[in-house]
Amino acid sequence: MPTVATEANLATSFRSVADMWHHRIRSTPGMEAMIYQSGGQWRSLSWRQAGARARALSNALLAFGLQPE
Protein backbone atom coordinates (compact mmCIF):
# COMPACT_ATOMS: atom_id res chain seq x y z
CA MET A 1 0.00 0.00 0.00
CA PRO A 2 1.52 3.38 -1.03
CA THR A 3 2.16 5.96 1.64
CA VAL A 4 0.69 9.46 1.49
CA ALA A 5 4.07 10.84 0.37
CA THR A 6 4.32 8.23 -2.39
CA GLU A 7 0.78 9.00 -3.59
CA ALA A 8 1.57 12.73 -3.62
CA ASN A 9 4.69 12.14 -5.73
CA LEU A 10 2.77 9.86 -8.08
CA ALA A 11 -0.02 12.41 -8.49
CA THR A 12 2.44 15.14 -9.50
CA SER A 13 4.12 12.88 -12.06
CA PHE A 14 1.12 12.98 -14.41
CA ARG A 15 0.80 15.65 -17.08
CA SER A 16 -2.99 15.41 -17.34
CA VAL A 17 -6.11 13.65 -16.13
CA ALA A 18 -5.90 11.50 -19.26
CA ASP A 19 -2.41 10.35 -18.18
CA MET A 20 -3.82 9.34 -14.79
CA TRP A 21 -6.69 7.50 -16.49
CA HIS A 22 -4.39 5.49 -18.76
CA HIS A 23 -2.00 4.72 -15.90
CA ARG A 24 -4.86 3.34 -13.81
CA ILE A 25 -6.10 1.14 -16.66
CA ARG A 26 -2.60 -0.25 -17.24
CA SER A 27 -1.77 -0.77 -13.56
CA THR A 28 -5.07 -2.29 -12.35
CA PRO A 29 -7.01 -3.53 -15.39
CA GLY A 30 -9.02 -6.19 -13.54
CA MET A 31 -9.93 -4.13 -10.49
CA GLU A 32 -13.37 -2.60 -10.07
CA ALA A 33 -13.49 0.94 -11.43
CA MET A 34 -17.13 1.74 -10.77
CA ILE A 35 -20.53 0.32 -9.99
CA TYR A 36 -23.81 1.29 -11.61
CA GLN A 37 -27.42 0.25 -11.54
CA SER A 38 -28.99 -1.32 -14.62
CA GLY A 39 -32.33 -3.07 -14.82
CA GLY A 40 -32.75 -2.90 -11.07
CA GLN A 41 -29.42 -4.68 -10.45
CA TRP A 42 -26.05 -3.35 -9.38
CA ARG A 43 -23.27 -4.15 -11.82
CA SER A 44 -19.57 -3.44 -11.75
CA LEU A 45 -17.14 -2.33 -14.41
CA SER A 46 -13.42 -3.10 -14.34
CA TRP A 47 -10.80 -0.55 -15.32
CA ARG A 48 -10.18 -2.55 -18.53
CA GLN A 49 -13.90 -2.40 -19.40
CA ALA A 50 -14.14 1.31 -18.51
CA GLY A 51 -11.14 1.99 -20.74
CA ALA A 52 -12.70 0.07 -23.62
CA ARG A 53 -15.97 2.00 -23.26
CA ALA A 54 -14.17 5.35 -23.16
CA ARG A 55 -12.15 4.36 -26.24
CA ALA A 56 -15.33 3.32 -28.10
CA LEU A 57 -17.02 6.61 -27.20
CA SER A 58 -14.03 8.68 -28.31
CA ASN A 59 -13.83 6.75 -31.60
CA ALA A 60 -17.54 7.35 -32.20
CA LEU A 61 -17.12 11.09 -31.60
CA LEU A 62 -14.19 11.17 -34.04
CA ALA A 63 -16.28 9.27 -36.60
CA PHE A 64 -18.96 11.97 -36.31
CA GLY A 65 -16.38 14.63 -37.11
CA LEU A 66 -15.39 15.93 -33.69
CA GLN A 67 -11.75 16.99 -33.84
CA PRO A 68 -9.31 16.23 -31.01
CA GLU A 69 -7.93 19.22 -29.13
PDB file of N, CA and C in Angstrom:
ATOM      1  N   MET A   1       0.843  -1.182   0.000  1.00  0.00           N
ATOM      2  CA  MET A   1       0.000   0.000   0.000  1.00  0.00           C
ATOM      3  C   MET A   1       0.889   1.246   0.000  1.00  0.00           C
ATOM      4  N   PRO A   2       0.694   2.173  -0.976  1.00  0.00           N
ATOM      5  CA  PRO A   2       1.515   3.384  -1.033  1.00  0.00           C
ATOM      6  C   PRO A   2       1.262   4.292   0.163  1.00  0.00           C
ATOM      7  N   THR A   3       2.295   4.985   0.560  1.00  0.00           N
ATOM      8  CA  THR A   3       2.159   5.962   1.635  1.00  0.00           C
ATOM      9  C   THR A   3       1.605   7.255   1.062  1.00  0.00           C
ATOM     10  N   VAL A   4       1.223   8.164   1.948  1.00  0.00           N
ATOM     11  CA  VAL A   4       0.691   9.457   1.494  1.00  0.00           C
ATOM     12  C   VAL A   4       1.740  10.189   0.671  1.00  0.00           C
ATOM     13  N   ALA A   5       3.002  10.157   1.116  1.00  0.00           N
ATOM     14  CA  ALA A   5       4.073  10.835   0.373  1.00  0.00           C
ATOM     15  C   ALA A   5       4.249  10.219  -1.011  1.00  0.00           C
ATOM     16  N   THR A   6       4.185   8.904  -1.098  1.00  0.00           N
ATOM     17  CA  THR A   6       4.322   8.231  -2.392  1.00  0.00           C
ATOM     18  C   THR A   6       3.164   8.604  -3.306  1.00  0.00           C
ATOM     19  N   GLU A   7       1.952   8.629  -2.785  1.00  0.00           N
ATOM     20  CA  GLU A   7       0.785   9.003  -3.589  1.00  0.00           C
ATOM     21  C   GLU A   7       0.897  10.439  -4.073  1.00  0.00           C
ATOM     22  N   ALA A   8       1.405  11.336  -3.226  1.00  0.00           N
ATOM     23  CA  ALA A   8       1.568  12.735  -3.622  1.00  0.00           C
ATOM     24  C   ALA A   8       2.580  12.849  -4.751  1.00  0.00           C
ATOM     25  N   ASN A   9       3.685  12.112  -4.663  1.00  0.00           N
ATOM     26  CA  ASN A   9       4.687  12.143  -5.728  1.00  0.00           C
ATOM     27  C   ASN A   9       4.134  11.555  -7.012  1.00  0.00           C
ATOM     28  N   LEU A  10       3.371  10.483  -6.907  1.00  0.00           N
ATOM     29  CA  LEU A  10       2.769   9.857  -8.080  1.00  0.00           C
ATOM     30  C   LEU A  10       1.788  10.818  -8.740  1.00  0.00           C
ATOM     31  N   ALA A  11       0.981  11.489  -7.947  1.00  0.00           N
ATOM     32  CA  ALA A  11      -0.019  12.407  -8.492  1.00  0.00           C
ATOM     33  C   ALA A  11       0.631  13.554  -9.250  1.00  0.00           C
ATOM     34  N   THR A  12       1.783  14.024  -8.812  1.00  0.00           N
ATOM     35  CA  THR A  12       2.438  15.141  -9.503  1.00  0.00           C
ATOM     36  C   THR A  12       3.225  14.684 -10.723  1.00  0.00           C
ATOM     37  N   SER A  13       3.368  13.373 -10.913  1.00  0.00           N
ATOM     38  CA  SER A  13       4.125  12.883 -12.065  1.00  0.00           C
ATOM     39  C   SER A  13       3.283  12.822 -13.340  1.00  0.00           C
ATOM     40  N   PHE A  14       1.995  13.030 -13.248  1.00  0.00           N
ATOM     41  CA  PHE A  14       1.122  12.980 -14.413  1.00  0.00           C
ATOM     42  C   PHE A  14       1.003  14.361 -15.043  1.00  0.00           C
ATOM     43  N   ARG A  15       0.947  14.386 -16.360  1.00  0.00           N
ATOM     44  CA  ARG A  15       0.797  15.652 -17.077  1.00  0.00           C
ATOM     45  C   ARG A  15      -0.646  16.073 -17.224  1.00  0.00           C
ATOM     46  N   SER A  16      -1.568  15.093 -17.121  1.00  0.00           N
ATOM     47  CA  SER A  16      -2.985  15.407 -17.337  1.00  0.00           C
ATOM     48  C   SER A  16      -3.860  14.344 -16.676  1.00  0.00           C
ATOM     49  N   VAL A  17      -5.145  14.621 -16.638  1.00  0.00           N
ATOM     50  CA  VAL A  17      -6.112  13.646 -16.125  1.00  0.00           C
ATOM     51  C   VAL A  17      -6.120  12.416 -17.037  1.00  0.00           C
ATOM     52  N   ALA A  18      -5.953  12.634 -18.321  1.00  0.00           N
ATOM     53  CA  ALA A  18      -5.900  11.504 -19.256  1.00  0.00           C
ATOM     54  C   ALA A  18      -4.715  10.592 -18.942  1.00  0.00           C
ATOM     55  N   ASP A  19      -3.565  11.167 -18.576  1.00  0.00           N
ATOM     56  CA  ASP A  19      -2.415  10.352 -18.179  1.00  0.00           C
ATOM     57  C   ASP A  19      -2.745   9.498 -16.962  1.00  0.00           C
ATOM     58  N   MET A  20      -3.428  10.083 -15.988  1.00  0.00           N
ATOM     59  CA  MET A  20      -3.815   9.338 -14.790  1.00  0.00           C
ATOM     60  C   MET A  20      -4.763   8.209 -15.162  1.00  0.00           C
ATOM     61  N   TRP A  21      -5.709   8.489 -16.043  1.00  0.00           N
ATOM     62  CA  TRP A  21      -6.690   7.497 -16.489  1.00  0.00           C
ATOM     63  C   TRP A  21      -5.986   6.300 -17.127  1.00  0.00           C
ATOM     64  N   HIS A  22      -5.091   6.576 -18.069  1.00  0.00           N
ATOM     65  CA  HIS A  22      -4.389   5.494 -18.764  1.00  0.00           C
ATOM     66  C   HIS A  22      -3.475   4.712 -17.826  1.00  0.00           C
ATOM     67  N   HIS A  23      -2.849   5.404 -16.891  1.00  0.00           N
ATOM     68  CA  HIS A  23      -2.005   4.718 -15.900  1.00  0.00           C
ATOM     69  C   HIS A  23      -2.844   3.745 -15.072  1.00  0.00           C
ATOM     70  N   ARG A  24      -4.003   4.191 -14.641  1.00  0.00           N
ATOM     71  CA  ARG A  24      -4.864   3.339 -13.815  1.00  0.00           C
ATOM     72  C   ARG A  24      -5.327   2.111 -14.589  1.00  0.00           C
ATOM     73  N   ILE A  25      -5.681   2.280 -15.838  1.00  0.00           N
ATOM     74  CA  ILE A  25      -6.105   1.143 -16.664  1.00  0.00           C
ATOM     75  C   ILE A  25      -4.966   0.140 -16.810  1.00  0.00           C
ATOM     76  N   ARG A  26      -3.758   0.639 -17.071  1.00  0.00           N
ATOM     77  CA  ARG A  26      -2.602  -0.252 -17.242  1.00  0.00           C
ATOM     78  C   ARG A  26      -2.207  -0.935 -15.934  1.00  0.00           C
ATOM     79  N   SER A  27      -2.284  -0.227 -14.817  1.00  0.00           N
ATOM     80  CA  SER A  27      -1.770  -0.775 -13.564  1.00  0.00           C
ATOM     81  C   SER A  27      -2.771  -1.673 -12.836  1.00  0.00           C
ATOM     82  N   THR A  28      -4.068  -1.476 -13.050  1.00  0.00           N
ATOM     83  CA  THR A  28      -5.073  -2.289 -12.349  1.00  0.00           C
ATOM     84  C   THR A  28      -6.229  -2.656 -13.276  1.00  0.00           C
ATOM     85  N   PRO A  29      -5.957  -3.301 -14.397  1.00  0.00           N
ATOM     86  CA  PRO A  29      -7.013  -3.533 -15.392  1.00  0.00           C
ATOM     87  C   PRO A  29      -8.184  -4.377 -14.892  1.00  0.00           C
ATOM     88  N   GLY A  30      -7.942  -5.308 -13.997  1.00  0.00           N
ATOM     89  CA  GLY A  30      -9.017  -6.187 -13.538  1.00  0.00           C
ATOM     90  C   GLY A  30      -9.745  -5.709 -12.305  1.00  0.00           C
ATOM     91  N   MET A  31      -9.271  -4.634 -11.699  1.00  0.00           N
ATOM     92  CA  MET A  31      -9.927  -4.134 -10.486  1.00  0.00           C
ATOM     93  C   MET A  31     -11.194  -3.359 -10.832  1.00  0.00           C
ATOM     94  N   GLU A  32     -12.102  -3.308  -9.874  1.00  0.00           N
ATOM     95  CA  GLU A  32     -13.368  -2.598 -10.066  1.00  0.00           C
ATOM     96  C   GLU A  32     -13.126  -1.096 -10.159  1.00  0.00           C
ATOM     97  N   ALA A  33     -13.623  -0.498 -11.223  1.00  0.00           N
ATOM     98  CA  ALA A  33     -13.490   0.938 -11.433  1.00  0.00           C
ATOM     99  C   ALA A  33     -14.727   1.680 -10.950  1.00  0.00           C
ATOM    100  N   MET A  34     -15.885   1.074 -11.150  1.00  0.00           N
ATOM    101  CA  MET A  34     -17.134   1.737 -10.769  1.00  0.00           C
ATOM    102  C   MET A  34     -18.259   0.719 -10.692  1.00  0.00           C
ATOM    103  N   ILE A  35     -19.319   1.134 -10.027  1.00  0.00           N
ATOM    104  CA  ILE A  35     -20.531   0.325  -9.994  1.00  0.00           C
ATOM    105  C   ILE A  35     -21.681   1.196 -10.491  1.00  0.00           C
ATOM    106  N   TYR A  36     -22.660   0.556 -11.094  1.00  0.00           N
ATOM    107  CA  TYR A  36     -23.809   1.292 -11.614  1.00  0.00           C
ATOM    108  C   TYR A  36     -25.035   0.390 -11.550  1.00  0.00           C
ATOM    109  N   GLN A  37     -26.188   1.011 -11.595  1.00  0.00           N
ATOM    110  CA  GLN A  37     -27.423   0.254 -11.543  1.00  0.00           C
ATOM    111  C   GLN A  37     -28.003   0.144 -12.947  1.00  0.00           C
ATOM    112  N   SER A  38     -28.405  -1.068 -13.309  1.00  0.00           N
ATOM    113  CA  SER A  38     -28.990  -1.315 -14.621  1.00  0.00           C
ATOM    114  C   SER A  38     -30.046  -2.397 -14.482  1.00  0.00           C
ATOM    115  N   GLY A  39     -31.249  -2.093 -14.904  1.00  0.00           N
ATOM    116  CA  GLY A  39     -32.327  -3.065 -14.824  1.00  0.00           C
ATOM    117  C   GLY A  39     -32.627  -3.501 -13.400  1.00  0.00           C
ATOM    118  N   GLY A  40     -32.470  -2.590 -12.460  1.00  0.00           N
ATOM    119  CA  GLY A  40     -32.747  -2.899 -11.068  1.00  0.00           C
ATOM    120  C   GLY A  40     -31.650  -3.688 -10.366  1.00  0.00           C
ATOM    121  N   GLN A  41     -30.533  -3.943 -11.052  1.00  0.00           N
ATOM    122  CA  GLN A  41     -29.425  -4.680 -10.449  1.00  0.00           C
ATOM    123  C   GLN A  41     -28.165  -3.825 -10.450  1.00  0.00           C
ATOM    124  N   TRP A  42     -27.337  -4.027  -9.426  1.00  0.00           N
ATOM    125  CA  TRP A  42     -26.053  -3.348  -9.378  1.00  0.00           C
ATOM    126  C   TRP A  42     -25.041  -4.167 -10.160  1.00  0.00           C
ATOM    127  N   ARG A  43     -24.296  -3.506 -10.999  1.00  0.00           N
ATOM    128  CA  ARG A  43     -23.274  -4.148 -11.820  1.00  0.00           C
ATOM    129  C   ARG A  43     -21.958  -3.411 -11.627  1.00  0.00           C
ATOM    130  N   SER A  44     -20.868  -4.095 -11.873  1.00  0.00           N
ATOM    131  CA  SER A  44     -19.566  -3.442 -11.746  1.00  0.00           C
ATOM    132  C   SER A  44     -18.855  -3.422 -13.092  1.00  0.00           C
ATOM    133  N   LEU A  45     -17.918  -2.514 -13.198  1.00  0.00           N
ATOM    134  CA  LEU A  45     -17.145  -2.334 -14.411  1.00  0.00           C
ATOM    135  C   LEU A  45     -15.679  -2.292 -14.000  1.00  0.00           C
ATOM    136  N   SER A  46     -14.848  -3.103 -14.644  1.00  0.00           N
ATOM    137  CA  SER A  46     -13.416  -3.101 -14.338  1.00  0.00           C
ATOM    138  C   SER A  46     -12.758  -1.910 -15.042  1.00  0.00           C
ATOM    139  N   TRP A  47     -11.527  -1.623 -14.658  1.00  0.00           N
ATOM    140  CA  TRP A  47     -10.796  -0.551 -15.324  1.00  0.00           C
ATOM    141  C   TRP A  47     -10.583  -0.876 -16.801  1.00  0.00           C
ATOM    142  N   ARG A  48     -10.346  -2.147 -17.133  1.00  0.00           N
ATOM    143  CA  ARG A  48     -10.180  -2.550 -18.529  1.00  0.00           C
ATOM    144  C   ARG A  48     -11.464  -2.260 -19.312  1.00  0.00           C
ATOM    145  N   GLN A  49     -12.615  -2.629 -18.732  1.00  0.00           N
ATOM    146  CA  GLN A  49     -13.900  -2.402 -19.401  1.00  0.00           C
ATOM    147  C   GLN A  49     -14.199  -0.909 -19.522  1.00  0.00           C
ATOM    148  N   ALA A  50     -13.903  -0.141 -18.472  1.00  0.00           N
ATOM    149  CA  ALA A  50     -14.137   1.306 -18.513  1.00  0.00           C
ATOM    150  C   ALA A  50     -13.271   1.944 -19.591  1.00  0.00           C
ATOM    151  N   GLY A  51     -12.025   1.476 -19.702  1.00  0.00           N
ATOM    152  CA  GLY A  51     -11.139   1.993 -20.741  1.00  0.00           C
ATOM    153  C   GLY A  51     -11.650   1.673 -22.131  1.00  0.00           C
ATOM    154  N   ALA A  52     -12.157   0.461 -22.318  1.00  0.00           N
ATOM    155  CA  ALA A  52     -12.703   0.065 -23.621  1.00  0.00           C
ATOM    156  C   ALA A  52     -13.934   0.903 -23.973  1.00  0.00           C
ATOM    157  N   ARG A  53     -14.780   1.173 -22.993  1.00  0.00           N
ATOM    158  CA  ARG A  53     -15.975   2.000 -23.256  1.00  0.00           C
ATOM    159  C   ARG A  53     -15.592   3.435 -23.596  1.00  0.00           C
ATOM    160  N   ALA A  54     -14.615   3.979 -22.882  1.00  0.00           N
ATOM    161  CA  ALA A  54     -14.166   5.347 -23.159  1.00  0.00           C
ATOM    162  C   ALA A  54     -13.548   5.423 -24.552  1.00  0.00           C
ATOM    163  N   ARG A  55     -12.771   4.404 -24.915  1.00  0.00           N
ATOM    164  CA  ARG A  55     -12.154   4.360 -26.244  1.00  0.00           C
ATOM    165  C   ARG A  55     -13.228   4.277 -27.334  1.00  0.00           C
ATOM    166  N   ALA A  56     -14.247   3.442 -27.125  1.00  0.00           N
ATOM    167  CA  ALA A  56     -15.331   3.320 -28.101  1.00  0.00           C
ATOM    168  C   ALA A  56     -16.085   4.637 -28.256  1.00  0.00           C
ATOM    169  N   LEU A  57     -16.332   5.314 -27.141  1.00  0.00           N
ATOM    170  CA  LEU A  57     -17.019   6.608 -27.199  1.00  0.00           C
ATOM    171  C   LEU A  57     -16.172   7.640 -27.936  1.00  0.00           C
ATOM    172  N   SER A  58     -14.884   7.692 -27.634  1.00  0.00           N
ATOM    173  CA  SER A  58     -14.033   8.676 -28.309  1.00  0.00           C
ATOM    174  C   SER A  58     -13.927   8.382 -29.800  1.00  0.00           C
ATOM    175  N   ASN A  59     -13.855   7.108 -30.180  1.00  0.00           N
ATOM    176  CA  ASN A  59     -13.826   6.750 -31.605  1.00  0.00           C
ATOM    177  C   ASN A  59     -15.123   7.133 -32.301  1.00  0.00           C
ATOM    178  N   ALA A  60     -16.253   6.962 -31.618  1.00  0.00           N
ATOM    179  CA  ALA A  60     -17.544   7.354 -32.202  1.00  0.00           C
ATOM    180  C   ALA A  60     -17.599   8.866 -32.416  1.00  0.00           C
ATOM    181  N   LEU A  61     -17.117   9.624 -31.458  1.00  0.00           N
ATOM    182  CA  LEU A  61     -17.119  11.086 -31.602  1.00  0.00           C
ATOM    183  C   LEU A  61     -16.223  11.512 -32.763  1.00  0.00           C
ATOM    184  N   LEU A  62     -15.065  10.867 -32.902  1.00  0.00           N
ATOM    185  CA  LEU A  62     -14.186  11.172 -34.039  1.00  0.00           C
ATOM    186  C   LEU A  62     -14.861  10.813 -35.359  1.00  0.00           C
ATOM    187  N   ALA A  63     -15.579   9.700 -35.393  1.00  0.00           N
ATOM    188  CA  ALA A  63     -16.284   9.271 -36.601  1.00  0.00           C
ATOM    189  C   ALA A  63     -17.373  10.263 -37.002  1.00  0.00           C
ATOM    190  N   PHE A  64     -17.942  10.963 -36.024  1.00  0.00           N
ATOM    191  CA  PHE A  64     -18.963  11.965 -36.307  1.00  0.00           C
ATOM    192  C   PHE A  64     -18.368  13.319 -36.655  1.00  0.00           C
ATOM    193  N   GLY A  65     -17.027  13.402 -36.669  1.00  0.00           N
ATOM    194  CA  GLY A  65     -16.377  14.629 -37.109  1.00  0.00           C
ATOM    195  C   GLY A  65     -15.826  15.505 -36.017  1.00  0.00           C
ATOM    196  N   LEU A  66     -15.967  15.140 -34.766  1.00  0.00           N
ATOM    197  CA  LEU A  66     -15.392  15.931 -33.685  1.00  0.00           C
ATOM    198  C   LEU A  66     -13.869  15.839 -33.786  1.00  0.00           C
ATOM    199  N   GLN A  67     -13.206  16.963 -33.715  1.00  0.00           N
ATOM    200  CA  GLN A  67     -11.748  16.992 -33.837  1.00  0.00           C
ATOM    201  C   GLN A  67     -11.093  16.994 -32.453  1.00  0.00           C
ATOM    202  N   PRO A  68     -10.012  16.228 -32.297  1.00  0.00           N
ATOM    203  CA  PRO A  68      -9.308  16.234 -31.011  1.00  0.00           C
ATOM    204  C   PRO A  68      -8.632  17.581 -30.761  1.00  0.00           C
ATOM    205  N   GLU A  69      -8.606  17.966 -29.502  1.00  0.00           N
ATOM    206  CA  GLU A  69      -7.932  19.217 -29.128  1.00  0.00           C
ATOM    207  C   GLU A  69      -7.102  18.979 -27.908  1.00  0.00           C
TER     208      GLU A  69
END
